C-alpha atoms as a PDB file:
ATOM      1  CA  UNK A   1      81.225  82.961 109.036  1.00  0.00           C
ATOM      2  CA  UNK A   2      81.850  84.264 112.559  1.00  0.00           C
ATOM      3  CA  UNK A   3      80.887  87.605 114.024  1.00  0.00           C
ATOM      4  CA  UNK A   4      83.399  89.104 116.445  1.00  0.00           C
ATOM      5  CA  UNK A   5      81.834  91.687 118.698  1.00  0.00           C
ATOM      6  CA  UNK A   6      83.587  93.841 121.288  1.00  0.00           C
ATOM      7  CA  UNK A   7      81.317  93.935 124.313  1.00  0.00           C
ATOM      8  CA  UNK A   8      81.400  96.657 126.977  1.00  0.00           C
ATOM      9  CA  UNK A   9      80.609  96.007 130.637  1.00  0.00           C
ATOM     10  CA  UNK A  10      77.076  97.402 130.287  1.00  0.00           C
ATOM     11  CA  UNK A  11      76.413  95.058 127.376  1.00  0.00           C
ATOM     12  CA  UNK A  12      77.502  92.038 129.423  1.00  0.00           C
ATOM     13  CA  UNK A  13      74.204  92.275 131.264  1.00  0.00           C
ATOM     14  CA  UNK A  14      72.487  90.423 128.427  1.00  0.00           C
ATOM     15  CA  UNK A  15      71.226  87.212 129.997  1.00  0.00           C
ATOM     16  CA  UNK A  16      71.913  83.700 128.709  1.00  0.00           C
ATOM     17  CA  UNK A  17      68.428  83.277 127.223  1.00  0.00           C
ATOM     18  CA  UNK A  18      68.809  86.462 125.235  1.00  0.00           C
ATOM     19  CA  UNK A  19      72.255  85.380 124.071  1.00  0.00           C
ATOM     20  CA  UNK A  20      70.888  82.007 122.976  1.00  0.00           C
ATOM     21  CA  UNK A  21      68.048  83.783 121.172  1.00  0.00           C
ATOM     22  CA  UNK A  22      70.510  85.933 119.259  1.00  0.00           C
ATOM     23  CA  UNK A  23      72.628  82.895 118.384  1.00  0.00           C
ATOM     24  CA  UNK A  24      69.580  81.075 117.030  1.00  0.00           C
ATOM     25  CA  UNK A  25      68.501  84.180 115.108  1.00  0.00           C
ATOM     26  CA  UNK A  26      71.976  84.559 113.618  1.00  0.00           C
ATOM     27  CA  UNK A  27      72.231  80.899 112.615  1.00  0.00           C
ATOM     28  CA  UNK A  28      68.815  81.001 110.968  1.00  0.00           C
ATOM     29  CA  UNK A  29      69.206  84.273 109.070  1.00  0.00           C
ATOM     30  CA  UNK A  30      72.890  85.025 108.349  1.00  0.00           C
ATOM     31  CA  UNK A  31      73.327  82.881 105.214  1.00  0.00           C
ATOM     32  CA  UNK A  32      70.267  84.484 103.618  1.00  0.00           C
ATOM     33  CA  UNK A  33      71.532  87.969 104.524  1.00  0.00           C
ATOM     34  CA  UNK A  34      74.879  87.249 102.866  1.00  0.00           C
ATOM     35  CA  UNK A  35      73.051  86.084  99.716  1.00  0.00           C
ATOM     36  CA  UNK A  36      70.859  89.186  99.725  1.00  0.00           C
ATOM     37  CA  UNK A  37      73.800  91.564 100.069  1.00  0.00           C
ATOM     38  CA  UNK A  38      75.901  89.624  97.574  1.00  0.00           C
ATOM     39  CA  UNK A  39      73.171  90.234  95.010  1.00  0.00           C
ATOM     40  CA  UNK A  40      73.297  93.922  95.872  1.00  0.00           C
ATOM     41  CA  UNK A  41      77.082  94.337  95.897  1.00  0.00           C
ATOM     42  CA  UNK A  42      78.335  91.641  93.517  1.00  0.00           C
ATOM     43  CA  UNK A  43      81.249  91.144  95.933  1.00  0.00           C
ATOM     44  CA  UNK A  44      81.078  88.242  98.375  1.00  0.00           C
ATOM     45  CA  UNK A  45      83.696  89.581 100.794  1.00  0.00           C
ATOM     46  CA  UNK A  46      82.021  93.006 100.913  1.00  0.00           C
ATOM     47  CA  UNK A  47      78.636  91.350 101.461  1.00  0.00           C
ATOM     48  CA  UNK A  48      80.083  89.329 104.351  1.00  0.00           C
ATOM     49  CA  UNK A  49      81.604  92.472 105.889  1.00  0.00           C
ATOM     50  CA  UNK A  50      78.287  94.325 105.703  1.00  0.00           C
ATOM     51  CA  UNK A  51      76.444  91.375 107.237  1.00  0.00           C
ATOM     52  CA  UNK A  52      79.030  91.104 110.013  1.00  0.00           C
ATOM     53  CA  UNK A  53      78.727  94.817 110.795  1.00  0.00           C
ATOM     54  CA  UNK A  54      74.923  94.662 110.715  1.00  0.00           C
ATOM     55  CA  UNK A  55      74.810  91.701 113.124  1.00  0.00           C
ATOM     56  CA  UNK A  56      77.329  93.394 115.421  1.00  0.00           C
ATOM     57  CA  UNK A  57      75.021  96.401 115.605  1.00  0.00           C
ATOM     58  CA  UNK A  58      72.041  94.101 116.149  1.00  0.00           C
ATOM     59  CA  UNK A  59      73.832  92.382 119.035  1.00  0.00           C
ATOM     60  CA  UNK A  60      74.309  95.734 120.772  1.00  0.00           C
ATOM     61  CA  UNK A  61      70.587  96.474 120.359  1.00  0.00           C
ATOM     62  CA  UNK A  62      69.320  92.920 120.801  1.00  0.00           C
ATOM     63  CA  UNK A  63      67.202  93.544 123.931  1.00  0.00           C
ATOM     64  CA  UNK A  64      65.198  96.094 121.931  1.00  0.00           C
ATOM     65  CA  UNK A  65      65.172  94.224 118.619  1.00  0.00           C
ATOM     66  CA  UNK A  66      64.226  90.726 119.719  1.00  0.00           C
ATOM     67  CA  UNK A  67      60.574  91.605 120.294  1.00  0.00           C
ATOM     68  CA  UNK A  68      60.095  93.153 116.848  1.00  0.00           C
ATOM     69  CA  UNK A  69      61.331  92.030 113.423  1.00  0.00           C
ATOM     70  CA  UNK A  70      65.117  91.793 113.842  1.00  0.00           C
ATOM     71  CA  UNK A  71      65.651  90.226 110.404  1.00  0.00           C
ATOM     72  CA  UNK A  72      64.183  93.274 108.687  1.00  0.00           C
ATOM     73  CA  UNK A  73      66.306  95.561 110.845  1.00  0.00           C
ATOM     74  CA  UNK A  74      69.526  93.656 110.067  1.00  0.00           C
ATOM     75  CA  UNK A  75      68.666  93.545 106.364  1.00  0.00           C
ATOM     76  CA  UNK A  76      68.089  97.311 106.311  1.00  0.00           C
ATOM     77  CA  UNK A  77      71.320  98.072 108.194  1.00  0.00           C
ATOM     78  CA  UNK A  78      73.323  95.742 105.937  1.00  0.00           C
ATOM     79  CA  UNK A  79      71.783  97.302 102.848  1.00  0.00           C
ATOM     80  CA  UNK A  80      72.602 100.804 104.081  1.00  0.00           C
ATOM     81  CA  UNK A  81      76.200  99.811 104.825  1.00  0.00           C
ATOM     82  CA  UNK A  82      76.590  98.353 101.322  1.00  0.00           C
ATOM     83  CA  UNK A  83      75.025 101.364  99.614  1.00  0.00           C
ATOM     84  CA  UNK A  84      77.138 103.732 101.689  1.00  0.00           C
ATOM     85  CA  UNK A  85      80.292 101.924 100.582  1.00  0.00           C
ATOM     86  CA  UNK A  86      79.112 101.946  96.965  1.00  0.00           C
ATOM     87  CA  UNK A  87      78.485 105.713  97.102  1.00  0.00           C
ATOM     88  CA  UNK A  88      81.931 106.333  98.590  1.00  0.00           C
ATOM     89  CA  UNK A  89      83.599 104.308  95.847  1.00  0.00           C
ATOM     90  CA  UNK A  90      81.523 105.959  93.115  1.00  0.00           C
ATOM     91  CA  UNK A  91      82.476 109.413  94.426  1.00  0.00           C
ATOM     92  CA  UNK A  92      86.152 108.401  94.380  1.00  0.00           C
ATOM     93  CA  UNK A  93      85.980 107.252  90.755  1.00  0.00           C
ATOM     94  CA  UNK A  94      84.041 110.382  89.689  1.00  0.00           C
ATOM     95  CA  UNK A  95      86.666 112.589  91.354  1.00  0.00           C
ATOM     96  CA  UNK A  96      89.461 110.607  89.723  1.00  0.00           C
ATOM     97  CA  UNK A  97      87.829 110.929  86.295  1.00  0.00           C
ATOM     98  CA  UNK A  98      87.229 114.641  86.822  1.00  0.00           C
ATOM     99  CA  UNK A  99      90.667 115.583  88.176  1.00  0.00           C
ATOM    100  CA  UNK A 100      92.941 112.764  87.015  1.00  0.00           C
ATOM    101  CA  UNK A 101      95.722 111.102  88.954  1.00  0.00           C
ATOM    102  CA  UNK A 102      97.676 113.567  91.131  1.00  0.00           C
ATOM    103  CA  UNK A 103     101.135 114.400  89.756  1.00  0.00           C
ATOM    104  CA  UNK A 104     102.793 113.363  93.028  1.00  0.00           C
ATOM    105  CA  UNK A 105     101.062 109.951  93.159  1.00  0.00           C
ATOM    106  CA  UNK A 106     103.488 107.012  93.281  1.00  0.00           C
ATOM    107  CA  UNK A 107     103.795 104.923  90.133  1.00  0.00           C
ATOM    108  CA  UNK A 108     102.498 101.346  90.185  1.00  0.00           C
ATOM    109  CA  UNK A 109     105.130  98.709  90.903  1.00  0.00           C
ATOM    110  CA  UNK A 110     106.410  96.698  87.970  1.00  0.00           C
ATOM    111  CA  UNK A 111     104.845  98.700  85.202  1.00  0.00           C
ATOM    112  CA  UNK A 112     105.621 101.492  82.821  1.00  0.00           C
ATOM    113  CA  UNK A 113     109.405 101.461  83.033  1.00  0.00           C
ATOM    114  CA  UNK A 114     111.777 100.902  80.118  1.00  0.00           C
ATOM    115  CA  UNK A 115     113.568  97.568  79.885  1.00  0.00           C
ATOM    116  CA  UNK A 116     117.284  97.338  79.330  1.00  0.00           C
END
């Protein structure tokens, strides 16, 4: 799994040692984070997305995080991203159950029509 991060000019000031430290941290902790979030979400691709987003945020804050417990911070951010997504989806399904499908919603392709 790769993490693609867009880096601004101010963030380019991170020195090579710090970059190497983040790379080592990522290599050592990312697989475990994916496992942890997979257990939470039950969806491997969603777990990977949350981990990617959490590490991208950690990279932006790496100078401040590297002296503390960055693994705990990344785990917390990933967990919050996953729970946030879960809440959004749950709200959608509750609203759908409460109000039904809108009358102007397009019909699914390939289903429901009469055959000749």
